[in-house]
Structures are given as structure tokens and as C-alpha cells.
Amino acid sequence: MRPAWALPRCTGTFPPGWSYGGLIASETATRRQDVRSLGLYEPVSGPFAEHVTPAIRDAAQDADLDRLVEIVNIEIAGYDHDHVRSLRESPIWDHLRLLAQALPAEHTALNAFTPHYERYRGLQIPVDILAGTLSAAAGGVYAEAVDRFVSAMPHARLTWMEGLSHLAHVEAPAVLAAHLHAIHERGGR
């Protein structure tokens, strides 16, 4: 598999990068001249939630997707058990289990990679960073990661999505889509 920066020419705005994808999109934008704008939705980078590495490894070994979703929501995002119980009783749970399949590999890769923050500062393209107010209120690793990107990209436009978290695409897809559309309209189309 080739890295994103080695793929054929982009057609303008790089696809929005969410979470680990935000790190990949940022690194790609520093290596390519044909990326005309960058949209990031709660990008993350290492060190990231290293305290849960053993729990992720154990749950992955047991192929326990439910436990992986719990780790993300309770031990990483900082939500309580009642929140996870309400997720488990909703149609969102199956989607979260699907996302959790990639968690072990992504968590390992994320913490093994050293971002090139010094290159981010030099980006000469529009950069938009979306973040949820619930992630900020919870503090912790998602808020810390967003802060690292905002610090590395002082020219970026930071937009807070009221009442949303790291899962805005699940919680309120139309709201996230409206924000992404606005980024696309402002960016390199």
C-alpha cells in the first residue's frame, strides 16, 4: 500500500480527515503541491491514549468489539457508563462496533508515528479544523490532540461544533455535512 502523499494527483480539496485520518491528511498536505485546502475533524496524533494499550490489545486478542467500543468511549473519551449504555441501546452501536475493528492497528500506528508539526506551520493553503464542544468539555486526549494541531497550524480556522463530540458523523451527520460543505466552499474546490 502506498502512502497518501504518493497517490496520483488530487483534484483540489483533500478529503476531510477525521481522527487518525486528520494526521494522514495533514502529513499529505505537507508533501504535495496539488492539495489546495485541508479540512480536519478532530485530528489526533501521538502520544495518544497510551494508557489503554494493554486493554486494546486484550480486547483485540479476544475479538471483543463491544469492549473496544467501551474503551474508546469510557477510557479514552471520558464518558460514563450511562452514556455507553445509551449508545449500546441505540442503532449507533453497530456502527461503533464496525469502527472499532480498526482501533488496534490505528492506535499502534498513531503512537508509532512522529508528526512533522514544523511542516504544518508552513502550509500555504486554507486549513479548517472542526472540533466538538463535548470533546473539549470532557478534556482528555481528544482535546489535547486538537490543541496540538491548532498550535502547529496557527493560521487554521477552528470551528467548534456545539453539542457534538468526536463522533459528530454518527451523532448529527447533517450538521457535520453542513460544516464540511462550508469548508469546501471556502477552500480550493
N, C-alpha and C. Protein backbone atom coordinates (compact mmCIF):
# COMPACT_ATOMS: atom_id res chain seq x y z
N MET A 1 0.84 -1.17 0.00
CA MET A 1 0.00 0.00 0.00
C MET A 1 0.89 1.24 0.00
N ARG A 2 0.56 2.19 -0.86
CA ARG A 2 1.34 3.42 -0.94
C ARG A 2 0.77 4.45 0.04
N PRO A 3 1.66 5.31 0.59
CA PRO A 3 1.15 6.38 1.45
C PRO A 3 0.33 7.37 0.63
N ALA A 4 -0.56 8.11 1.29
CA ALA A 4 -1.46 9.04 0.60
C ALA A 4 -0.69 10.06 -0.22
N TRP A 5 0.49 10.49 0.25
CA TRP A 5 1.21 11.51 -0.49
C TRP A 5 1.83 10.96 -1.78
N ALA A 6 1.80 9.63 -1.98
CA ALA A 6 2.34 9.05 -3.21
C ALA A 6 1.24 8.70 -4.21
N LEU A 7 -0.01 8.99 -3.88
CA LEU A 7 -1.12 8.69 -4.78
C LEU A 7 -1.15 9.68 -5.93
N PRO A 8 -1.88 9.35 -7.01
CA PRO A 8 -1.98 10.28 -8.14
C PRO A 8 -2.52 11.64 -7.71
N ARG A 9 -2.40 12.59 -8.61
CA ARG A 9 -2.78 13.99 -8.37
C ARG A 9 -4.15 14.14 -7.72
N CYS A 10 -4.23 15.07 -6.76
CA CYS A 10 -5.50 15.44 -6.13
C CYS A 10 -6.27 16.35 -7.09
N THR A 11 -7.55 16.47 -6.87
CA THR A 11 -8.35 17.38 -7.70
C THR A 11 -8.71 18.65 -6.95
N GLY A 12 -8.08 18.93 -5.86
CA GLY A 12 -8.38 20.17 -5.13
C GLY A 12 -8.35 19.94 -3.65
N THR A 13 -9.48 20.13 -3.00
CA THR A 13 -9.57 19.96 -1.57
C THR A 13 -9.29 18.51 -1.22
N PHE A 14 -8.39 18.30 -0.27
CA PHE A 14 -8.13 16.94 0.18
C PHE A 14 -9.35 16.47 0.94
N PRO A 15 -9.75 15.23 0.81
CA PRO A 15 -10.91 14.75 1.56
C PRO A 15 -10.74 15.04 3.05
N PRO A 16 -11.83 15.35 3.75
CA PRO A 16 -11.71 15.69 5.16
C PRO A 16 -11.07 14.56 5.95
N GLY A 17 -10.19 14.93 6.85
CA GLY A 17 -9.51 13.94 7.67
C GLY A 17 -10.09 13.92 9.07
N TRP A 18 -10.64 12.77 9.47
CA TRP A 18 -11.21 12.61 10.80
C TRP A 18 -10.27 11.75 11.64
N SER A 19 -10.00 12.20 12.85
CA SER A 19 -9.23 11.44 13.81
C SER A 19 -7.85 11.12 13.24
N TYR A 20 -7.49 9.85 13.15
CA TYR A 20 -6.21 9.42 12.59
C TYR A 20 -6.09 9.88 11.13
N GLY A 21 -7.22 9.93 10.42
CA GLY A 21 -7.22 10.42 9.04
C GLY A 21 -6.82 11.89 8.95
N GLY A 22 -7.05 12.65 10.02
CA GLY A 22 -6.61 14.04 10.05
C GLY A 22 -5.09 14.16 10.07
N LEU A 23 -4.45 13.25 10.77
CA LEU A 23 -2.99 13.20 10.78
C LEU A 23 -2.49 12.85 9.38
N ILE A 24 -3.10 11.85 8.76
CA ILE A 24 -2.69 11.43 7.42
C ILE A 24 -2.89 12.56 6.42
N ALA A 25 -4.04 13.24 6.49
CA ALA A 25 -4.31 14.35 5.58
C ALA A 25 -3.31 15.48 5.78
N SER A 26 -2.97 15.79 7.03
CA SER A 26 -2.01 16.86 7.32
C SER A 26 -0.63 16.53 6.78
N GLU A 27 -0.19 15.31 7.02
CA GLU A 27 1.12 14.90 6.51
C GLU A 27 1.13 14.92 4.98
N THR A 28 0.05 14.50 4.37
CA THR A 28 -0.05 14.50 2.90
C THR A 28 0.03 15.92 2.36
N ALA A 29 -0.67 16.84 3.00
CA ALA A 29 -0.68 18.24 2.52
C ALA A 29 0.71 18.87 2.56
N THR A 30 1.57 18.41 3.47
CA THR A 30 2.92 18.97 3.54
C THR A 30 3.84 18.40 2.47
N ARG A 31 3.41 17.35 1.81
CA ARG A 31 4.27 16.68 0.83
C ARG A 31 3.80 16.85 -0.62
N ARG A 32 2.66 17.49 -0.80
CA ARG A 32 2.10 17.60 -2.15
C ARG A 32 1.75 19.04 -2.46
N GLN A 33 1.98 19.43 -3.69
CA GLN A 33 1.68 20.79 -4.12
C GLN A 33 0.27 20.93 -4.68
N ASP A 34 -0.42 19.82 -4.96
CA ASP A 34 -1.73 19.90 -5.60
C ASP A 34 -2.89 19.88 -4.60
N VAL A 35 -2.60 19.85 -3.31
CA VAL A 35 -3.66 19.96 -2.30
C VAL A 35 -3.91 21.44 -2.08
N ARG A 36 -5.15 21.88 -2.33
CA ARG A 36 -5.44 23.31 -2.27
C ARG A 36 -6.10 23.75 -0.98
N SER A 37 -6.59 22.83 -0.20
CA SER A 37 -7.12 23.17 1.12
C SER A 37 -7.19 21.90 1.96
N LEU A 38 -7.35 22.10 3.25
CA LEU A 38 -7.33 20.98 4.18
C LEU A 38 -8.45 21.15 5.19
N GLY A 39 -9.26 20.12 5.34
CA GLY A 39 -10.32 20.12 6.34
C GLY A 39 -10.08 18.98 7.32
N LEU A 40 -9.98 19.30 8.59
CA LEU A 40 -9.70 18.32 9.62
C LEU A 40 -10.83 18.30 10.65
N TYR A 41 -11.24 17.11 11.03
CA TYR A 41 -12.30 16.96 12.03
C TYR A 41 -11.70 16.18 13.19
N GLU A 42 -11.46 16.88 14.28
CA GLU A 42 -10.82 16.35 15.48
C GLU A 42 -9.64 15.44 15.14
N PRO A 43 -8.60 16.02 14.52
CA PRO A 43 -7.42 15.21 14.20
C PRO A 43 -6.70 14.77 15.47
N VAL A 44 -6.08 13.62 15.41
CA VAL A 44 -5.32 13.11 16.56
C VAL A 44 -3.90 12.76 16.12
N SER A 45 -3.01 12.75 17.10
CA SER A 45 -1.62 12.37 16.86
C SER A 45 -1.06 11.82 18.17
N GLY A 46 0.04 11.13 18.04
CA GLY A 46 0.66 10.57 19.22
C GLY A 46 1.47 11.62 19.98
N PRO A 47 1.67 11.43 21.25
CA PRO A 47 1.18 10.30 22.03
C PRO A 47 -0.33 10.40 22.25
N PHE A 48 -1.00 9.30 22.08
CA PHE A 48 -2.45 9.31 22.18
C PHE A 48 -2.93 8.10 22.98
N ALA A 49 -3.50 8.34 24.12
CA ALA A 49 -4.16 7.32 24.95
C ALA A 49 -3.30 6.07 25.12
N GLU A 50 -2.02 6.28 25.39
CA GLU A 50 -1.13 5.13 25.55
C GLU A 50 -1.49 4.28 26.78
N HIS A 51 -2.19 4.88 27.72
CA HIS A 51 -2.58 4.16 28.93
C HIS A 51 -3.54 3.01 28.65
N VAL A 52 -4.20 3.00 27.49
CA VAL A 52 -5.16 1.94 27.19
C VAL A 52 -4.58 0.87 26.26
N THR A 53 -3.32 0.96 25.93
CA THR A 53 -2.71 -0.01 25.01
C THR A 53 -2.92 -1.46 25.46
N PRO A 54 -2.67 -1.79 26.72
CA PRO A 54 -2.90 -3.19 27.12
C PRO A 54 -4.36 -3.61 27.00
N ALA A 55 -5.29 -2.73 27.35
CA ALA A 55 -6.71 -3.07 27.25
C ALA A 55 -7.13 -3.28 25.79
N ILE A 56 -6.62 -2.43 24.90
CA ILE A 56 -6.93 -2.59 23.48
C ILE A 56 -6.37 -3.91 22.97
N ARG A 57 -5.15 -4.21 23.34
CA ARG A 57 -4.52 -5.47 22.91
C ARG A 57 -5.33 -6.67 23.39
N ASP A 58 -5.76 -6.65 24.67
CA ASP A 58 -6.53 -7.77 25.22
C ASP A 58 -7.88 -7.93 24.52
N ALA A 59 -8.57 -6.81 24.31
CA ALA A 59 -9.89 -6.87 23.65
C ALA A 59 -9.74 -7.34 22.21
N ALA A 60 -8.69 -6.90 21.54
CA ALA A 60 -8.47 -7.33 20.16
C ALA A 60 -8.15 -8.81 20.10
N GLN A 61 -7.35 -9.27 21.04
CA GLN A 61 -7.00 -10.69 21.10
C GLN A 61 -8.25 -11.55 21.28
N ASP A 62 -9.22 -11.04 22.04
CA ASP A 62 -10.48 -11.75 22.27
C ASP A 62 -11.52 -11.46 21.20
N ALA A 63 -11.17 -10.61 20.22
CA ALA A 63 -12.11 -10.18 19.17
C ALA A 63 -13.38 -9.60 19.80
N ASP A 64 -13.22 -8.85 20.87
CA ASP A 64 -14.34 -8.29 21.62
C ASP A 64 -14.58 -6.84 21.19
N LEU A 65 -15.38 -6.67 20.14
CA LEU A 65 -15.67 -5.34 19.60
C LEU A 65 -16.43 -4.48 20.60
N ASP A 66 -17.31 -5.10 21.38
CA ASP A 66 -18.05 -4.33 22.39
C ASP A 66 -17.08 -3.70 23.39
N ARG A 67 -16.10 -4.47 23.82
CA ARG A 67 -15.11 -3.95 24.77
C ARG A 67 -14.28 -2.83 24.13
N LEU A 68 -13.94 -2.97 22.84
CA LEU A 68 -13.19 -1.91 22.17
C LEU A 68 -13.99 -0.61 22.13
N VAL A 69 -15.29 -0.71 21.87
CA VAL A 69 -16.14 0.49 21.86
C VAL A 69 -16.19 1.10 23.26
N GLU A 70 -16.27 0.25 24.28
CA GLU A 70 -16.26 0.75 25.65
C GLU A 70 -14.94 1.46 25.97
N ILE A 71 -13.83 0.90 25.54
CA ILE A 71 -12.52 1.52 25.79
C ILE A 71 -12.47 2.91 25.18
N VAL A 72 -12.91 3.02 23.93
CA VAL A 72 -12.89 4.33 23.26
C VAL A 72 -13.76 5.33 24.02
N ASN A 73 -14.95 4.94 24.39
CA ASN A 73 -15.89 5.88 24.98
C ASN A 73 -15.63 6.18 26.45
N ILE A 74 -15.22 5.19 27.22
CA ILE A 74 -15.03 5.40 28.67
C ILE A 74 -13.58 5.76 28.98
N GLU A 75 -12.64 4.93 28.53
CA GLU A 75 -11.25 5.11 28.93
C GLU A 75 -10.49 6.13 28.08
N ILE A 76 -10.98 6.39 26.86
CA ILE A 76 -10.31 7.40 26.03
C ILE A 76 -11.11 8.71 26.05
N ALA A 77 -12.38 8.65 25.67
CA ALA A 77 -13.18 9.88 25.56
C ALA A 77 -13.65 10.41 26.92
N GLY A 78 -13.68 9.55 27.93
CA GLY A 78 -14.05 10.02 29.26
C GLY A 78 -15.53 10.03 29.58
N TYR A 79 -16.32 9.34 28.77
CA TYR A 79 -17.76 9.27 29.05
C TYR A 79 -18.01 8.27 30.17
N ASP A 80 -19.18 8.38 30.78
CA ASP A 80 -19.52 7.46 31.86
C ASP A 80 -20.25 6.22 31.31
N HIS A 81 -20.48 5.26 32.21
CA HIS A 81 -21.11 4.01 31.82
C HIS A 81 -22.55 4.22 31.34
N ASP A 82 -23.24 5.22 31.89
CA ASP A 82 -24.61 5.51 31.43
C ASP A 82 -24.62 5.94 29.97
N HIS A 83 -23.65 6.74 29.59
CA HIS A 83 -23.54 7.16 28.18
C HIS A 83 -23.34 5.94 27.28
N VAL A 84 -22.45 5.06 27.69
CA VAL A 84 -22.18 3.86 26.88
C VAL A 84 -23.41 2.96 26.84
N ARG A 85 -24.13 2.88 27.94
CA ARG A 85 -25.36 2.08 27.97
C ARG A 85 -26.38 2.63 26.98
N SER A 86 -26.50 3.96 26.90
CA SER A 86 -27.45 4.56 25.95
C SER A 86 -26.99 4.33 24.51
N LEU A 87 -25.69 4.37 24.27
CA LEU A 87 -25.19 4.06 22.93
C LEU A 87 -25.49 2.61 22.56
N ARG A 88 -25.27 1.73 23.52
CA ARG A 88 -25.48 0.30 23.28
C ARG A 88 -26.94 0.01 22.91
N GLU A 89 -27.85 0.79 23.45
CA GLU A 89 -29.28 0.59 23.18
C GLU A 89 -29.76 1.32 21.92
N SER A 90 -28.86 2.01 21.25
CA SER A 90 -29.25 2.77 20.05
C SER A 90 -28.73 2.08 18.79
N PRO A 91 -29.24 2.50 17.63
CA PRO A 91 -28.75 1.94 16.37
C PRO A 91 -27.30 2.30 16.07
N ILE A 92 -26.76 3.27 16.79
CA ILE A 92 -25.37 3.71 16.58
C ILE A 92 -24.37 2.61 16.97
N TRP A 93 -24.75 1.75 17.92
CA TRP A 93 -23.82 0.77 18.46
C TRP A 93 -23.19 -0.10 17.37
N ASP A 94 -23.99 -0.58 16.43
CA ASP A 94 -23.44 -1.42 15.37
C ASP A 94 -22.41 -0.67 14.54
N HIS A 95 -22.64 0.61 14.30
CA HIS A 95 -21.67 1.43 13.56
C HIS A 95 -20.38 1.58 14.37
N LEU A 96 -20.51 1.79 15.66
CA LEU A 96 -19.34 1.94 16.52
C LEU A 96 -18.52 0.65 16.57
N ARG A 97 -19.21 -0.48 16.58
CA ARG A 97 -18.51 -1.78 16.55
C ARG A 97 -17.73 -1.94 15.25
N LEU A 98 -18.31 -1.48 14.16
CA LEU A 98 -17.64 -1.54 12.86
C LEU A 98 -16.36 -0.68 12.89
N LEU A 99 -16.48 0.54 13.41
CA LEU A 99 -15.32 1.43 13.52
C LEU A 99 -14.25 0.83 14.44
N ALA A 100 -14.68 0.12 15.47
CA ALA A 100 -13.74 -0.42 16.47
C ALA A 100 -12.83 -1.50 15.89
N GLN A 101 -13.21 -2.09 14.79
CA GLN A 101 -12.37 -3.13 14.19
C GLN A 101 -10.97 -2.62 13.87
N ALA A 102 -10.88 -1.36 13.46
CA ALA A 102 -9.58 -0.79 13.08
C ALA A 102 -8.79 -0.24 14.26
N LEU A 103 -9.42 -0.14 15.43
CA LEU A 103 -8.78 0.51 16.58
C LEU A 103 -7.41 -0.05 16.93
N PRO A 104 -7.22 -1.36 17.06
CA PRO A 104 -5.89 -1.83 17.46
C PRO A 104 -4.77 -1.40 16.51
N ALA A 105 -4.98 -1.56 15.22
CA ALA A 105 -3.94 -1.19 14.24
C ALA A 105 -3.74 0.32 14.20
N GLU A 106 -4.82 1.08 14.23
CA GLU A 106 -4.71 2.54 14.19
C GLU A 106 -4.01 3.08 15.44
N HIS A 107 -4.37 2.56 16.59
CA HIS A 107 -3.77 3.02 17.85
C HIS A 107 -2.26 2.76 17.85
N THR A 108 -1.87 1.59 17.39
CA THR A 108 -0.45 1.25 17.31
C THR A 108 0.27 2.17 16.34
N ALA A 109 -0.28 2.34 15.14
CA ALA A 109 0.35 3.19 14.12
C ALA A 109 0.43 4.64 14.57
N LEU A 110 -0.64 5.12 15.16
CA LEU A 110 -0.71 6.50 15.63
C LEU A 110 0.40 6.81 16.63
N ASN A 111 0.59 5.90 17.55
CA ASN A 111 1.60 6.13 18.58
C ASN A 111 3.03 5.83 18.12
N ALA A 112 3.17 5.15 16.99
CA ALA A 112 4.49 4.86 16.45
C ALA A 112 5.00 5.97 15.54
N PHE A 113 4.10 6.85 15.09
CA PHE A 113 4.47 7.87 14.11
C PHE A 113 4.77 9.19 14.80
N THR A 114 5.82 9.86 14.35
CA THR A 114 6.16 11.19 14.86
C THR A 114 5.71 12.22 13.84
N PRO A 115 4.69 13.02 14.17
CA PRO A 115 4.21 14.04 13.23
C PRO A 115 5.28 15.10 12.94
N HIS A 116 5.19 15.68 11.76
CA HIS A 116 6.11 16.73 11.34
C HIS A 116 5.43 18.09 11.54
N TYR A 117 5.19 18.45 12.80
CA TYR A 117 4.47 19.67 13.11
C TYR A 117 5.12 20.91 12.51
N GLU A 118 6.44 20.89 12.43
CA GLU A 118 7.15 22.05 11.88
C GLU A 118 6.75 22.31 10.43
N ARG A 119 6.36 21.28 9.70
CA ARG A 119 5.91 21.45 8.32
C ARG A 119 4.49 22.02 8.26
N TYR A 120 3.68 21.72 9.24
CA TYR A 120 2.28 22.19 9.24
C TYR A 120 2.23 23.71 9.25
N ARG A 121 3.11 24.30 10.03
CA ARG A 121 3.14 25.76 10.15
C ARG A 121 3.39 26.41 8.79
N GLY A 122 4.11 25.73 7.91
CA GLY A 122 4.46 26.28 6.61
C GLY A 122 3.42 26.06 5.52
N LEU A 123 2.33 25.40 5.84
CA LEU A 123 1.29 25.18 4.82
C LEU A 123 0.76 26.52 4.31
N GLN A 124 0.70 26.66 3.01
CA GLN A 124 0.24 27.90 2.38
C GLN A 124 -1.15 27.71 1.77
N ILE A 125 -1.97 26.91 2.41
CA ILE A 125 -3.32 26.62 1.93
C ILE A 125 -4.32 26.87 3.06
N PRO A 126 -5.60 27.07 2.71
CA PRO A 126 -6.59 27.20 3.79
C PRO A 126 -6.69 25.89 4.58
N VAL A 127 -6.70 26.03 5.89
CA VAL A 127 -6.84 24.88 6.78
C VAL A 127 -7.99 25.16 7.74
N ASP A 128 -8.93 24.24 7.79
CA ASP A 128 -10.06 24.32 8.72
C ASP A 128 -10.00 23.13 9.66
N ILE A 129 -10.18 23.40 10.94
CA ILE A 129 -10.23 22.35 11.95
C ILE A 129 -11.59 22.42 12.63
N LEU A 130 -12.30 21.29 12.60
CA LEU A 130 -13.59 21.18 13.29
C LEU A 130 -13.38 20.39 14.57
N ALA A 131 -14.03 20.83 15.64
CA ALA A 131 -13.95 20.12 16.91
C ALA A 131 -15.29 20.24 17.63
N GLY A 132 -15.63 19.21 18.38
CA GLY A 132 -16.89 19.21 19.11
C GLY A 132 -16.74 19.81 20.50
N THR A 133 -17.76 20.57 20.90
CA THR A 133 -17.70 21.17 22.24
C THR A 133 -17.74 20.10 23.33
N LEU A 134 -18.36 18.96 23.07
CA LEU A 134 -18.39 17.90 24.08
C LEU A 134 -17.00 17.31 24.28
N SER A 135 -16.23 17.20 23.21
CA SER A 135 -14.84 16.71 23.34
C SER A 135 -14.02 17.68 24.17
N ALA A 136 -14.22 18.97 23.90
CA ALA A 136 -13.47 19.98 24.64
C ALA A 136 -13.87 19.97 26.11
N ALA A 137 -15.17 19.84 26.38
CA ALA A 137 -15.66 19.85 27.77
C ALA A 137 -15.14 18.64 28.55
N ALA A 138 -15.01 17.50 27.86
CA ALA A 138 -14.52 16.29 28.52
C ALA A 138 -13.02 16.38 28.78
N GLY A 139 -12.34 17.28 28.05
CA GLY A 139 -10.88 17.36 28.19
C GLY A 139 -10.26 16.08 27.67
N GLY A 140 -9.15 15.72 28.20
CA GLY A 140 -8.55 14.45 27.82
C GLY A 140 -7.88 14.45 26.47
N VAL A 141 -7.72 13.25 25.94
CA VAL A 141 -6.85 13.05 24.78
C VAL A 141 -7.35 13.69 23.49
N TYR A 142 -8.66 13.74 23.25
CA TYR A 142 -9.14 14.37 22.02
C TYR A 142 -8.89 15.87 22.05
N ALA A 143 -9.17 16.49 23.17
CA ALA A 143 -8.92 17.93 23.31
C ALA A 143 -7.43 18.24 23.20
N GLU A 144 -6.60 17.42 23.83
CA GLU A 144 -5.15 17.62 23.76
C GLU A 144 -4.65 17.50 22.33
N ALA A 145 -5.17 16.53 21.59
CA ALA A 145 -4.74 16.32 20.21
C ALA A 145 -5.15 17.50 19.33
N VAL A 146 -6.38 17.97 19.48
CA VAL A 146 -6.82 19.13 18.70
C VAL A 146 -5.94 20.33 19.02
N ASP A 147 -5.62 20.52 20.30
CA ASP A 147 -4.73 21.62 20.69
C ASP A 147 -3.37 21.54 20.00
N ARG A 148 -2.84 20.31 19.86
CA ARG A 148 -1.54 20.17 19.19
C ARG A 148 -1.63 20.63 17.73
N PHE A 149 -2.72 20.29 17.04
CA PHE A 149 -2.86 20.70 15.65
C PHE A 149 -3.10 22.20 15.54
N VAL A 150 -3.91 22.76 16.42
CA VAL A 150 -4.16 24.20 16.41
C VAL A 150 -2.85 24.96 16.66
N SER A 151 -2.04 24.49 17.60
CA SER A 151 -0.76 25.13 17.88
C SER A 151 0.19 25.02 16.68
N ALA A 152 0.16 23.89 16.01
CA ALA A 152 1.06 23.69 14.87
C ALA A 152 0.59 24.42 13.62
N MET A 153 -0.69 24.78 13.58
CA MET A 153 -1.27 25.47 12.42
C MET A 153 -1.97 26.75 12.88
N PRO A 154 -1.20 27.75 13.31
CA PRO A 154 -1.82 28.95 13.86
C PRO A 154 -2.69 29.71 12.86
N HIS A 155 -2.52 29.44 11.59
CA HIS A 155 -3.32 30.09 10.54
C HIS A 155 -4.64 29.37 10.29
N ALA A 156 -4.83 28.22 10.92
CA ALA A 156 -6.04 27.42 10.69
C ALA A 156 -7.27 28.11 11.29
N ARG A 157 -8.41 27.88 10.66
CA ARG A 157 -9.69 28.35 11.19
C ARG A 157 -10.25 27.21 12.04
N LEU A 158 -10.46 27.48 13.33
CA LEU A 158 -11.01 26.50 14.26
C LEU A 158 -12.50 26.77 14.43
N THR A 159 -13.32 25.76 14.17
CA THR A 159 -14.77 25.88 14.34
C THR A 159 -15.23 24.86 15.36
N TRP A 160 -15.93 25.36 16.39
CA TRP A 160 -16.48 24.48 17.42
C TRP A 160 -17.89 24.08 17.02
N MET A 161 -18.16 22.78 17.02
CA MET A 161 -19.49 22.25 16.71
C MET A 161 -20.21 22.02 18.04
N GLU A 162 -21.20 22.86 18.28
CA GLU A 162 -21.92 22.87 19.55
C GLU A 162 -22.63 21.55 19.81
N GLY A 163 -22.40 20.99 21.02
CA GLY A 163 -23.11 19.80 21.46
C GLY A 163 -22.67 18.51 20.78
N LEU A 164 -21.52 18.53 20.10
CA LEU A 164 -21.05 17.34 19.41
C LEU A 164 -19.71 16.88 19.97
N SER A 165 -19.36 15.64 19.64
CA SER A 165 -18.12 15.06 20.15
C SER A 165 -17.28 14.55 18.98
N HIS A 166 -16.41 13.62 19.29
CA HIS A 166 -15.54 13.01 18.28
C HIS A 166 -16.35 12.16 17.30
N LEU A 167 -17.61 11.92 17.62
CA LEU A 167 -18.48 11.11 16.76
C LEU A 167 -19.58 11.94 16.11
N ALA A 168 -19.27 13.16 15.72
CA ALA A 168 -20.29 14.02 15.09
C ALA A 168 -20.90 13.38 13.86
N HIS A 169 -20.12 12.59 13.14
CA HIS A 169 -20.64 11.93 11.94
C HIS A 169 -21.71 10.89 12.27
N VAL A 170 -21.72 10.43 13.50
CA VAL A 170 -22.75 9.49 13.96
C VAL A 170 -23.86 10.24 14.69
N GLU A 171 -23.49 11.22 15.51
CA GLU A 171 -24.44 11.96 16.33
C GLU A 171 -25.34 12.87 15.51
N ALA A 172 -24.76 13.59 14.58
CA ALA A 172 -25.51 14.59 13.80
C ALA A 172 -24.87 14.74 12.41
N PRO A 173 -25.04 13.73 11.55
CA PRO A 173 -24.36 13.77 10.25
C PRO A 173 -24.71 14.99 9.40
N ALA A 174 -25.93 15.47 9.49
CA ALA A 174 -26.32 16.64 8.68
C ALA A 174 -25.59 17.90 9.15
N VAL A 175 -25.38 18.02 10.44
CA VAL A 175 -24.65 19.18 10.98
C VAL A 175 -23.19 19.12 10.52
N LEU A 176 -22.58 17.95 10.65
CA LEU A 176 -21.20 17.80 10.20
C LEU A 176 -21.11 18.06 8.69
N ALA A 177 -22.04 17.54 7.93
CA ALA A 177 -22.04 17.75 6.48
C ALA A 177 -22.12 19.23 6.13
N ALA A 178 -22.92 19.98 6.87
CA ALA A 178 -23.03 21.43 6.61
C ALA A 178 -21.70 22.12 6.87
N HIS A 179 -21.02 21.73 7.94
CA HIS A 179 -19.69 22.31 8.24
C HIS A 179 -18.70 21.94 7.14
N LEU A 180 -18.71 20.69 6.71
CA LEU A 180 -17.78 20.25 5.67
C LEU A 180 -18.08 20.94 4.34
N HIS A 181 -19.35 21.15 4.06
CA HIS A 181 -19.73 21.87 2.84
C HIS A 181 -19.19 23.30 2.88
N ALA A 182 -19.31 23.94 4.03
CA ALA A 182 -18.78 25.31 4.17
C ALA A 182 -17.27 25.34 3.96
N ILE A 183 -16.57 24.34 4.49
CA ILE A 183 -15.12 24.25 4.29
C ILE A 183 -14.83 24.10 2.80
N HIS A 184 -15.57 23.24 2.14
CA HIS A 184 -15.37 23.01 0.70
C HIS A 184 -15.62 24.31 -0.08
N GLU A 185 -16.64 25.03 0.28
CA GLU A 185 -16.95 26.28 -0.41
C GLU A 185 -15.86 27.33 -0.22
N ARG A 186 -15.27 27.38 0.97
CA ARG A 186 -14.19 28.33 1.25
C ARG A 186 -12.87 27.90 0.65
N GLY A 187 -12.70 26.56 0.51
CA GLY A 187 -11.41 26.00 0.11
C GLY A 187 -11.16 26.01 -1.38
N GLY A 188 -10.33 25.06 -1.78
CA GLY A 188 -9.82 25.04 -3.13
C GLY A 188 -10.70 24.40 -4.18
N ARG A 189 -11.89 24.01 -3.86
CA ARG A 189 -12.83 23.36 -4.79
C ARG A 189 -12.20 22.78 -6.00
